[in-house]
Amino acid sequence: MAMNDPQIWTLIGVFGAVMIGVVTVMTTQFSRVIRAEIGRLDGTLSGKIDGLDGKLSGKIEALEWRVSGKIEALDHRLSGQIEALDHRLSGQIESLEWRLNGRIDTLDKEVADIATRFFGST
């Protein structure tokens, strides 16, 4: 079977068109597979990130409640201790005030007696 130039060029053109078509179809299919895998990974990662976010939010809330409770308990304890200290100090200050007033009154009488002794009665 003898082939002439136009037949050869036709076969070359058909072969080239088929090859370009195959490459195009393969590229299209490959890009679809890549898009599908990326979508799957995106969904998987989004789910895992959402789950992790939920876990962390729950743990942060629990920690916040624990810290708030401990702060309130500490506040109540400190308030009670401050009030007790305030009552103790108030009592001690009043006691010192009474003692000082008694000593000042005694000192005042002694100074008056000394003044009467040295300067006579007025």
C-alpha atoms as a PDB file:
ATOM      1  CA  MET A   1       0.000   0.000   0.000  1.00  0.00           C
ATOM      2  CA  ALA A   2       1.520   3.183  -1.155  1.00  0.00           C
ATOM      3  CA  MET A   3       0.681   6.488   0.477  1.00  0.00           C
ATOM      4  CA  ASN A   4       1.041   9.858  -1.109  1.00  0.00           C
ATOM      5  CA  ASP A   5       1.922  13.149   0.599  1.00  0.00           C
ATOM      6  CA  PRO A   6      -1.644  14.371   1.287  1.00  0.00           C
ATOM      7  CA  GLN A   7      -2.548  11.100   3.001  1.00  0.00           C
ATOM      8  CA  ILE A   8       0.565  11.204   5.176  1.00  0.00           C
ATOM      9  CA  TRP A   9      -0.114  14.778   6.232  1.00  0.00           C
ATOM     10  CA  THR A  10      -3.744  13.896   6.949  1.00  0.00           C
ATOM     11  CA  LEU A  11      -2.670  10.993   9.169  1.00  0.00           C
ATOM     12  CA  ILE A  12      -0.136  13.229  10.946  1.00  0.00           C
ATOM     13  CA  GLY A  13      -2.880  15.849  11.513  1.00  0.00           C
ATOM     14  CA  VAL A  14      -5.370  13.267  12.800  1.00  0.00           C
ATOM     15  CA  PHE A  15      -2.709  11.754  15.087  1.00  0.00           C
ATOM     16  CA  GLY A  16      -1.769  15.227  16.363  1.00  0.00           C
ATOM     17  CA  ALA A  17      -5.436  16.133  16.975  1.00  0.00           C
ATOM     18  CA  VAL A  18      -6.010  12.872  18.854  1.00  0.00           C
ATOM     19  CA  MET A  19      -2.924  13.471  20.995  1.00  0.00           C
ATOM     20  CA  ILE A  20      -3.982  17.036  21.790  1.00  0.00           C
ATOM     21  CA  GLY A  21      -7.487  15.780  22.641  1.00  0.00           C
ATOM     22  CA  VAL A  22      -6.101  13.081  24.932  1.00  0.00           C
ATOM     23  CA  VAL A  23      -3.822  15.576  26.685  1.00  0.00           C
ATOM     24  CA  THR A  24      -6.754  17.993  27.072  1.00  0.00           C
ATOM     25  CA  VAL A  25      -9.060  15.311  28.496  1.00  0.00           C
ATOM     26  CA  MET A  26      -6.359  14.068  30.878  1.00  0.00           C
ATOM     27  CA  THR A  27      -5.556  17.591  32.047  1.00  0.00           C
ATOM     28  CA  THR A  28      -9.244  18.326  32.625  1.00  0.00           C
ATOM     29  CA  GLN A  29      -9.726  15.100  34.575  1.00  0.00           C
ATOM     30  CA  PHE A  30      -6.556  15.701  36.581  1.00  0.00           C
ATOM     31  CA  SER A  31      -7.674  19.224  37.491  1.00  0.00           C
ATOM     32  CA  ARG A  32     -11.094  17.876  38.573  1.00  0.00           C
ATOM     33  CA  VAL A  33      -9.429  15.277  40.765  1.00  0.00           C
ATOM     34  CA  ILE A  34      -7.167  17.932  42.273  1.00  0.00           C
ATOM     35  CA  ARG A  35     -10.171  20.216  42.954  1.00  0.00           C
ATOM     36  CA  ALA A  36     -12.105  17.356  44.538  1.00  0.00           C
ATOM     37  CA  GLU A  37      -9.178  16.413  46.787  1.00  0.00           C
ATOM     38  CA  ILE A  38      -8.630  20.027  47.801  1.00  0.00           C
ATOM     39  CA  GLY A  39     -12.350  20.330  48.610  1.00  0.00           C
ATOM     40  CA  ARG A  40     -12.190  17.147  50.685  1.00  0.00           C
ATOM     41  CA  LEU A  41      -9.130  18.390  52.555  1.00  0.00           C
ATOM     42  CA  ASP A  42     -10.791  21.746  53.109  1.00  0.00           C
ATOM     43  CA  GLY A  43     -13.873  20.052  54.560  1.00  0.00           C
ATOM     44  CA  THR A  44     -11.789  17.773  56.758  1.00  0.00           C
ATOM     45  CA  LEU A  45      -9.606  20.598  58.032  1.00  0.00           C
ATOM     46  CA  SER A  46     -12.619  22.863  58.600  1.00  0.00           C
ATOM     47  CA  GLY A  47     -14.303  20.120  60.644  1.00  0.00           C
ATOM     48  CA  LYS A  48     -11.194  19.490  62.702  1.00  0.00           C
ATOM     49  CA  ILE A  49     -10.615  23.204  63.260  1.00  0.00           C
ATOM     50  CA  ASP A  50     -14.255  23.675  64.308  1.00  0.00           C
ATOM     51  CA  GLY A  51     -13.964  20.729  66.693  1.00  0.00           C
ATOM     52  CA  LEU A  52     -10.758  22.109  68.152  1.00  0.00           C
ATOM     53  CA  ASP A  53     -12.336  25.543  68.467  1.00  0.00           C
ATOM     54  CA  GLY A  54     -15.289  24.045  70.332  1.00  0.00           C
ATOM     55  CA  LYS A  55     -12.997  22.125  72.673  1.00  0.00           C
ATOM     56  CA  LEU A  56     -10.829  25.149  73.376  1.00  0.00           C
ATOM     57  CA  SER A  57     -13.863  27.394  73.910  1.00  0.00           C
ATOM     58  CA  GLY A  58     -15.277  24.902  76.408  1.00  0.00           C
ATOM     59  CA  LYS A  59     -11.987  24.631  78.257  1.00  0.00           C
ATOM     60  CA  ILE A  60     -11.537  28.397  78.305  1.00  0.00           C
ATOM     61  CA  GLU A  61     -15.057  28.867  79.701  1.00  0.00           C
ATOM     62  CA  ALA A  62     -14.431  26.218  82.358  1.00  0.00           C
ATOM     63  CA  LEU A  63     -11.144  27.849  83.284  1.00  0.00           C
ATOM     64  CA  GLU A  64     -12.819  31.249  83.392  1.00  0.00           C
ATOM     65  CA  TRP A  65     -15.501  29.925  85.770  1.00  0.00           C
ATOM     66  CA  ARG A  66     -12.894  28.299  87.997  1.00  0.00           C
ATOM     67  CA  VAL A  67     -10.780  31.450  88.136  1.00  0.00           C
ATOM     68  CA  SER A  68     -13.848  33.625  88.790  1.00  0.00           C
ATOM     69  CA  GLY A  69     -14.929  31.314  91.607  1.00  0.00           C
ATOM     70  CA  LYS A  70     -11.499  31.341  93.169  1.00  0.00           C
ATOM     71  CA  ILE A  71     -11.265  35.126  92.884  1.00  0.00           C
ATOM     72  CA  GLU A  72     -14.674  35.522  94.543  1.00  0.00           C
ATOM     73  CA  ALA A  73     -13.723  33.106  97.329  1.00  0.00           C
ATOM     74  CA  LEU A  74     -10.453  34.953  97.850  1.00  0.00           C
ATOM     75  CA  ASP A  75     -12.309  38.270  97.849  1.00  0.00           C
ATOM     76  CA  HIS A  76     -14.718  37.013 100.535  1.00  0.00           C
ATOM     77  CA  ARG A  77     -11.863  35.656 102.628  1.00  0.00           C
ATOM     78  CA  LEU A  78      -9.881  38.876 102.344  1.00  0.00           C
ATOM     79  CA  SER A  79     -12.961  40.998 103.078  1.00  0.00           C
ATOM     80  CA  GLY A  80     -13.614  38.970 106.230  1.00  0.00           C
ATOM     81  CA  GLN A  81     -10.000  39.212 107.344  1.00  0.00           C
ATOM     82  CA  ILE A  82      -9.897  42.947 106.638  1.00  0.00           C
ATOM     83  CA  GLU A  83     -13.088  43.481 108.641  1.00  0.00           C
ATOM     84  CA  ALA A  84     -11.704  41.427 111.544  1.00  0.00           C
ATOM     85  CA  LEU A  85      -8.442  43.380 111.414  1.00  0.00           C
ATOM     86  CA  ASP A  86     -10.391  46.641 111.271  1.00  0.00           C
ATOM     87  CA  HIS A  87     -12.385  45.669 114.393  1.00  0.00           C
ATOM     88  CA  ARG A  88      -9.227  44.628 116.231  1.00  0.00           C
ATOM     89  CA  LEU A  89      -7.406  47.817 115.297  1.00  0.00           C
ATOM     90  CA  SER A  90     -10.426  49.954 116.168  1.00  0.00           C
ATOM     91  CA  GLY A  91     -10.566  48.323 119.597  1.00  0.00           C
ATOM     92  CA  GLN A  92      -6.842  48.798 120.153  1.00  0.00           C
ATOM     93  CA  ILE A  93      -7.002  52.428 118.982  1.00  0.00           C
ATOM     94  CA  GLU A  94      -9.905  53.134 121.320  1.00  0.00           C
ATOM     95  CA  SER A  95      -8.012  51.477 124.175  1.00  0.00           C
ATOM     96  CA  LEU A  96      -4.926  53.602 123.430  1.00  0.00           C
ATOM     97  CA  GLU A  97      -7.098  56.699 123.201  1.00  0.00           C
ATOM     98  CA  TRP A  98      -8.613  56.018 126.631  1.00  0.00           C
ATOM     99  CA  ARG A  99      -5.215  55.373 128.120  1.00  0.00           C
ATOM    100  CA  LEU A 100      -3.728  58.511 126.555  1.00  0.00           C
ATOM    101  CA  ASN A 101      -6.684  60.627 127.657  1.00  0.00           C
ATOM    102  CA  GLY A 102      -6.263  59.274 131.197  1.00  0.00           C
ATOM    103  CA  ARG A 103      -2.557  60.067 131.159  1.00  0.00           C
ATOM    104  CA  ILE A 104      -3.144  63.519 129.683  1.00  0.00           C
ATOM    105  CA  ASP A 105      -5.734  64.226 132.390  1.00  0.00           C
ATOM    106  CA  THR A 106      -3.269  63.023 135.027  1.00  0.00           C
ATOM    107  CA  LEU A 107      -0.488  65.098 133.454  1.00  0.00           C
ATOM    108  CA  ASP A 108      -2.779  68.117 133.315  1.00  0.00           C
ATOM    109  CA  LYS A 109      -3.544  67.756 137.035  1.00  0.00           C
ATOM    110  CA  GLU A 110       0.162  67.339 137.866  1.00  0.00           C
ATOM    111  CA  VAL A 111       1.098  70.438 135.843  1.00  0.00           C
ATOM    112  CA  ALA A 112      -1.682  72.357 137.583  1.00  0.00           C
ATOM    113  CA  ASP A 113      -0.369  71.164 140.976  1.00  0.00           C
ATOM    114  CA  ILE A 114       3.194  72.210 140.042  1.00  0.00           C
ATOM    115  CA  ALA A 115       1.962  75.605 138.865  1.00  0.00           C
ATOM    116  CA  THR A 116       0.014  76.060 142.111  1.00  0.00           C
ATOM    117  CA  ARG A 117       3.053  75.067 144.185  1.00  0.00           C
ATOM    118  CA  PHE A 118       5.435  77.449 142.398  1.00  0.00           C
ATOM    119  CA  PHE A 119       3.135  80.321 141.604  1.00  0.00           C
ATOM    120  CA  GLY A 120       0.715  80.018 144.433  1.00  0.00           C
ATOM    121  CA  SER A 121      -3.025  79.921 144.121  1.00  0.00           C
ATOM    122  CA  THR A 122      -4.584  82.344 141.713  1.00  0.00           C
END
